[in-house]
Amino acid sequence: KNIRKNIEVMPFFKFCQEQLHQFEPENNKLYDDKTWKNEEHVDEIWREFYRCETNNKDAEILIPLHDSLLARGVSPEEYIREEMDWLRSTVPPTQRDEYLSIERAGRGYPLIQNFRQLIIYALDRWEKKMKEVGVTDYLGLSTALYAHRKKIKPSYKSIIVDETQDF
């Protein structure tokens, strides 16, 4: 027997994309890391959002946090995006206020509560921006699929997971 034909290897986020295309075929253009019209990558969209380009000033609220991180020698654009990703992977969207009191062990520059409130607000605006331009980052895929978790049917006999923190 040719066992290899029964083995499928894919990133977790590719699985999420496939499932979302099945559950939400009307949103096929949304669940990609590039915009369907201009082929802009989600990283380019983030940079544009963070730097308040193209007449979108939503991220201006982050200026005090940006300045604080910069004064400590930290790259604010990268640090803030990583913090938003951590928040999205840790707390469900409906419970994001819990982030205000969660201890962030291992984070080199912990944020005070006021800065955390800015992160929550900016994250909401960032997620809206992605939806408006038709792009989804990797964490957005798993968040979107979470709404369909009860519809997912077993399709594999066994699964080997590498990089489990992505779950």
C-alpha atoms as a PDB file:
ATOM      1  CA  LYS A   1       0.000   0.000   0.000  1.00  0.00           C
ATOM      2  CA  ASN A   2       1.052   3.564  -0.632  1.00  0.00           C
ATOM      3  CA  ILE A   3       0.579   5.140   2.796  1.00  0.00           C
ATOM      4  CA  ARG A   4       1.907   8.524   1.681  1.00  0.00           C
ATOM      5  CA  LYS A   5      -1.255   9.226  -0.289  1.00  0.00           C
ATOM      6  CA  ASN A   6      -3.157   9.143   3.012  1.00  0.00           C
ATOM      7  CA  ILE A   7      -0.910  11.713   4.653  1.00  0.00           C
ATOM      8  CA  GLU A   8      -1.687  15.387   4.393  1.00  0.00           C
ATOM      9  CA  VAL A   9       0.689  18.038   5.708  1.00  0.00           C
ATOM     10  CA  MET A  10      -0.492  21.612   6.117  1.00  0.00           C
ATOM     11  CA  PRO A  11      -0.105  24.594   8.394  1.00  0.00           C
ATOM     12  CA  PHE A  12      -2.865  25.044  10.953  1.00  0.00           C
ATOM     13  CA  PHE A  13      -3.856  28.340   9.386  1.00  0.00           C
ATOM     14  CA  LYS A  14      -4.289  26.711   5.968  1.00  0.00           C
ATOM     15  CA  PHE A  15      -6.707  24.294   7.622  1.00  0.00           C
ATOM     16  CA  CYS A  16      -8.579  27.275   9.070  1.00  0.00           C
ATOM     17  CA  GLN A  17      -8.760  28.883   5.631  1.00  0.00           C
ATOM     18  CA  GLU A  18     -10.160  25.734   4.043  1.00  0.00           C
ATOM     19  CA  GLN A  19     -12.776  25.356   6.758  1.00  0.00           C
ATOM     20  CA  LEU A  20     -13.811  28.998   6.489  1.00  0.00           C
ATOM     21  CA  HIS A  21     -14.161  28.722   2.720  1.00  0.00           C
ATOM     22  CA  GLN A  22     -16.503  25.800   3.352  1.00  0.00           C
ATOM     23  CA  PHE A  23     -18.572  27.505   6.075  1.00  0.00           C
ATOM     24  CA  GLU A  24     -18.542  31.001   4.584  1.00  0.00           C
ATOM     25  CA  PRO A  25     -18.172  30.732   0.808  1.00  0.00           C
ATOM     26  CA  GLU A  26     -19.479  34.292   0.449  1.00  0.00           C
ATOM     27  CA  ASN A  27     -16.324  35.493   2.265  1.00  0.00           C
ATOM     28  CA  ASN A  28     -13.758  33.681   0.108  1.00  0.00           C
ATOM     29  CA  LYS A  29     -11.992  36.945  -0.703  1.00  0.00           C
ATOM     30  CA  LEU A  30     -11.787  37.957   2.958  1.00  0.00           C
ATOM     31  CA  TYR A  31      -9.863  35.029   4.432  1.00  0.00           C
ATOM     32  CA  ASP A  32      -6.499  35.619   2.822  1.00  0.00           C
ATOM     33  CA  ASP A  33      -3.363  37.465   3.915  1.00  0.00           C
ATOM     34  CA  LYS A  34      -3.411  39.571   0.737  1.00  0.00           C
ATOM     35  CA  THR A  35      -6.129  41.891  -0.500  1.00  0.00           C
ATOM     36  CA  TRP A  36      -7.893  40.464  -3.528  1.00  0.00           C
ATOM     37  CA  LYS A  37      -7.827  43.668  -5.537  1.00  0.00           C
ATOM     38  CA  ASN A  38      -4.362  45.180  -5.007  1.00  0.00           C
ATOM     39  CA  GLU A  39      -2.510  42.136  -3.639  1.00  0.00           C
ATOM     40  CA  GLU A  40      -1.416  44.111  -0.570  1.00  0.00           C
ATOM     41  CA  HIS A  41      -0.069  41.856   2.161  1.00  0.00           C
ATOM     42  CA  VAL A  42      -1.476  42.117   5.678  1.00  0.00           C
ATOM     43  CA  ASP A  43       1.923  43.386   6.878  1.00  0.00           C
ATOM     44  CA  GLU A  44       1.659  46.335   4.481  1.00  0.00           C
ATOM     45  CA  ILE A  45      -1.864  47.031   5.724  1.00  0.00           C
ATOM     46  CA  TRP A  46      -0.608  46.927   9.335  1.00  0.00           C
ATOM     47  CA  ARG A  47       2.180  49.395   8.567  1.00  0.00           C
ATOM     48  CA  GLU A  48      -0.301  51.716   6.878  1.00  0.00           C
ATOM     49  CA  PHE A  49      -2.711  51.413   9.820  1.00  0.00           C
ATOM     50  CA  TYR A  50      -0.055  51.868  12.499  1.00  0.00           C
ATOM     51  CA  ARG A  51       1.537  54.862  10.789  1.00  0.00           C
ATOM     52  CA  CYS A  52      -1.889  56.485  10.229  1.00  0.00           C
ATOM     53  CA  GLU A  53      -1.506  56.646   6.467  1.00  0.00           C
ATOM     54  CA  THR A  54      -4.307  56.873   3.873  1.00  0.00           C
ATOM     55  CA  ASN A  55      -6.454  59.172   6.019  1.00  0.00           C
ATOM     56  CA  ASN A  56      -6.979  56.575   8.748  1.00  0.00           C
ATOM     57  CA  LYS A  57      -6.039  58.060  12.115  1.00  0.00           C
ATOM     58  CA  ASP A  58      -7.360  55.234  14.321  1.00  0.00           C
ATOM     59  CA  ALA A  59      -3.907  54.277  15.574  1.00  0.00           C
ATOM     60  CA  GLU A  60      -3.091  57.807  16.755  1.00  0.00           C
ATOM     61  CA  ILE A  61      -4.411  56.751  20.148  1.00  0.00           C
ATOM     62  CA  LEU A  62      -1.264  54.628  20.472  1.00  0.00           C
ATOM     63  CA  ILE A  63       1.124  57.615  20.353  1.00  0.00           C
ATOM     64  CA  PRO A  64       1.678  57.784  24.163  1.00  0.00           C
ATOM     65  CA  LEU A  65       2.462  54.039  24.216  1.00  0.00           C
ATOM     66  CA  HIS A  66       4.618  54.383  21.109  1.00  0.00           C
ATOM     67  CA  ASP A  67       6.633  57.185  22.735  1.00  0.00           C
ATOM     68  CA  SER A  68       7.003  55.242  25.992  1.00  0.00           C
ATOM     69  CA  LEU A  69       8.326  52.144  24.217  1.00  0.00           C
ATOM     70  CA  LEU A  70      10.619  54.191  22.002  1.00  0.00           C
ATOM     71  CA  ALA A  71      12.109  55.871  25.082  1.00  0.00           C
ATOM     72  CA  ARG A  72      12.928  52.387  26.451  1.00  0.00           C
ATOM     73  CA  GLY A  73      14.680  51.379  23.237  1.00  0.00           C
ATOM     74  CA  VAL A  74      11.874  49.070  22.081  1.00  0.00           C
ATOM     75  CA  SER A  75      10.538  48.955  18.510  1.00  0.00           C
ATOM     76  CA  PRO A  76       6.969  50.171  19.164  1.00  0.00           C
ATOM     77  CA  GLU A  77       5.410  49.068  15.865  1.00  0.00           C
ATOM     78  CA  GLU A  78       6.561  45.492  16.317  1.00  0.00           C
ATOM     79  CA  TYR A  79       5.982  45.355  20.083  1.00  0.00           C
ATOM     80  CA  ILE A  80       2.419  46.642  19.851  1.00  0.00           C
ATOM     81  CA  ARG A  81       1.513  44.233  17.066  1.00  0.00           C
ATOM     82  CA  GLU A  82       2.941  41.333  19.066  1.00  0.00           C
ATOM     83  CA  GLU A  83       0.970  42.457  22.120  1.00  0.00           C
ATOM     84  CA  MET A  84      -2.232  42.594  20.073  1.00  0.00           C
ATOM     85  CA  ASP A  85      -1.523  39.116  18.739  1.00  0.00           C
ATOM     86  CA  TRP A  86      -0.941  37.831  22.266  1.00  0.00           C
ATOM     87  CA  LEU A  87      -4.203  39.378  23.408  1.00  0.00           C
ATOM     88  CA  ARG A  88      -6.114  37.853  20.502  1.00  0.00           C
ATOM     89  CA  SER A  89      -4.644  34.415  21.147  1.00  0.00           C
ATOM     90  CA  THR A  90      -5.296  34.527  24.888  1.00  0.00           C
ATOM     91  CA  VAL A  91      -8.675  36.168  25.452  1.00  0.00           C
ATOM     92  CA  PRO A  92     -11.896  35.710  23.431  1.00  0.00           C
ATOM     93  CA  PRO A  93     -13.084  38.894  21.687  1.00  0.00           C
ATOM     94  CA  THR A  94     -16.075  39.206  24.026  1.00  0.00           C
ATOM     95  CA  GLN A  95     -13.856  39.116  27.136  1.00  0.00           C
ATOM     96  CA  ARG A  96     -11.007  41.431  26.181  1.00  0.00           C
ATOM     97  CA  ASP A  97     -11.427  43.542  29.318  1.00  0.00           C
ATOM     98  CA  GLU A  98      -9.822  40.613  31.178  1.00  0.00           C
ATOM     99  CA  TYR A  99      -6.573  41.679  29.515  1.00  0.00           C
ATOM    100  CA  LEU A 100      -6.485  44.719  31.791  1.00  0.00           C
ATOM    101  CA  SER A 101      -5.667  42.530  34.800  1.00  0.00           C
ATOM    102  CA  ILE A 102      -3.868  39.522  33.277  1.00  0.00           C
ATOM    103  CA  GLU A 103      -0.292  39.146  34.466  1.00  0.00           C
ATOM    104  CA  ARG A 104       2.064  39.125  31.473  1.00  0.00           C
ATOM    105  CA  ALA A 105       4.903  36.908  32.645  1.00  0.00           C
ATOM    106  CA  GLY A 106       7.897  36.898  30.362  1.00  0.00           C
ATOM    107  CA  ARG A 107       7.144  40.200  28.639  1.00  0.00           C
ATOM    108  CA  GLY A 108      10.232  42.398  28.805  1.00  0.00           C
ATOM    109  CA  TYR A 109       8.300  45.648  29.077  1.00  0.00           C
ATOM    110  CA  PRO A 110       4.990  45.100  30.852  1.00  0.00           C
ATOM    111  CA  LEU A 111       2.273  47.622  30.089  1.00  0.00           C
ATOM    112  CA  ILE A 112       0.353  49.625  32.657  1.00  0.00           C
ATOM    113  CA  GLN A 113      -3.438  49.475  32.615  1.00  0.00           C
ATOM    114  CA  ASN A 114      -3.869  52.729  30.670  1.00  0.00           C
ATOM    115  CA  PHE A 115      -1.654  51.424  27.886  1.00  0.00           C
ATOM    116  CA  ARG A 116      -3.538  48.121  27.891  1.00  0.00           C
ATOM    117  CA  GLN A 117      -6.783  50.018  27.361  1.00  0.00           C
ATOM    118  CA  LEU A 118      -5.187  51.681  24.344  1.00  0.00           C
ATOM    119  CA  ILE A 119      -4.203  48.247  23.022  1.00  0.00           C
ATOM    120  CA  ILE A 120      -7.799  46.979  23.336  1.00  0.00           C
ATOM    121  CA  TYR A 121      -9.193  50.000  21.526  1.00  0.00           C
ATOM    122  CA  ALA A 122      -6.564  49.934  18.781  1.00  0.00           C
ATOM    123  CA  LEU A 123      -7.024  46.187  18.315  1.00  0.00           C
ATOM    124  CA  ASP A 124     -10.727  46.695  17.705  1.00  0.00           C
ATOM    125  CA  ARG A 125      -9.925  49.337  15.087  1.00  0.00           C
ATOM    126  CA  TRP A 126      -7.222  47.115  13.527  1.00  0.00           C
ATOM    127  CA  GLU A 127      -9.635  44.219  13.143  1.00  0.00           C
ATOM    128  CA  LYS A 128     -12.190  46.542  11.538  1.00  0.00           C
ATOM    129  CA  LYS A 129      -9.517  47.871   9.180  1.00  0.00           C
ATOM    130  CA  MET A 130      -8.606  44.354   8.048  1.00  0.00           C
ATOM    131  CA  LYS A 131     -12.234  43.557   7.367  1.00  0.00           C
ATOM    132  CA  GLU A 132     -12.770  46.812   5.468  1.00  0.00           C
ATOM    133  CA  VAL A 133      -9.863  46.198   3.105  1.00  0.00           C
ATOM    134  CA  GLY A 134     -10.553  42.471   2.745  1.00  0.00           C
ATOM    135  CA  VAL A 135      -7.561  40.863   4.426  1.00  0.00           C
ATOM    136  CA  THR A 136      -7.183  38.537   7.389  1.00  0.00           C
ATOM    137  CA  ASP A 137      -4.061  37.740   9.353  1.00  0.00           C
ATOM    138  CA  TYR A 138      -3.361  34.276  10.752  1.00  0.00           C
ATOM    139  CA  LEU A 139      -4.923  34.906  14.143  1.00  0.00           C
ATOM    140  CA  GLY A 140      -7.988  36.329  12.445  1.00  0.00           C
ATOM    141  CA  LEU A 141      -8.468  33.007  10.673  1.00  0.00           C
ATOM    142  CA  SER A 142      -8.581  30.978  13.871  1.00  0.00           C
ATOM    143  CA  THR A 143     -10.803  33.594  15.523  1.00  0.00           C
ATOM    144  CA  ALA A 144     -13.246  33.493  12.609  1.00  0.00           C
ATOM    145  CA  LEU A 145     -13.264  29.699  12.571  1.00  0.00           C
ATOM    146  CA  TYR A 146     -13.990  29.620  16.304  1.00  0.00           C
ATOM    147  CA  ALA A 147     -17.542  30.762  15.518  1.00  0.00           C
ATOM    148  CA  HIS A 148     -18.019  27.541  13.506  1.00  0.00           C
ATOM    149  CA  ARG A 149     -16.326  25.152  15.948  1.00  0.00           C
ATOM    150  CA  LYS A 150     -19.481  23.078  16.499  1.00  0.00           C
ATOM    151  CA  LYS A 151     -19.871  22.507  12.751  1.00  0.00           C
ATOM    152  CA  ILE A 152     -16.397  21.059  12.222  1.00  0.00           C
ATOM    153  CA  LYS A 153     -16.621  17.331  11.581  1.00  0.00           C
ATOM    154  CA  PRO A 154     -13.754  14.898  12.170  1.00  0.00           C
ATOM    155  CA  SER A 155     -11.958  14.333   8.896  1.00  0.00           C
ATOM    156  CA  TYR A 156      -8.685  12.821  10.037  1.00  0.00           C
ATOM    157  CA  LYS A 157      -7.908   9.617  11.879  1.00  0.00           C
ATOM    158  CA  SER A 158      -4.783  11.096  13.474  1.00  0.00           C
ATOM    159  CA  ILE A 159      -3.232  14.532  13.736  1.00  0.00           C
ATOM    160  CA  ILE A 160       0.330  15.407  14.640  1.00  0.00           C
ATOM    161  CA  VAL A 161       0.726  18.967  15.854  1.00  0.00           C
ATOM    162  CA  ASP A 162       3.920  20.965  15.752  1.00  0.00           C
ATOM    163  CA  GLU A 163       4.062  24.498  17.192  1.00  0.00           C
ATOM    164  CA  THR A 164       1.060  23.941  19.473  1.00  0.00           C
ATOM    165  CA  GLN A 165       1.161  27.509  20.721  1.00  0.00           C
ATOM    166  CA  ASP A 166      -0.649  28.395  17.481  1.00  0.00           C
ATOM    167  CA  PHE A 167      -3.704  26.636  18.837  1.00  0.00           C
END
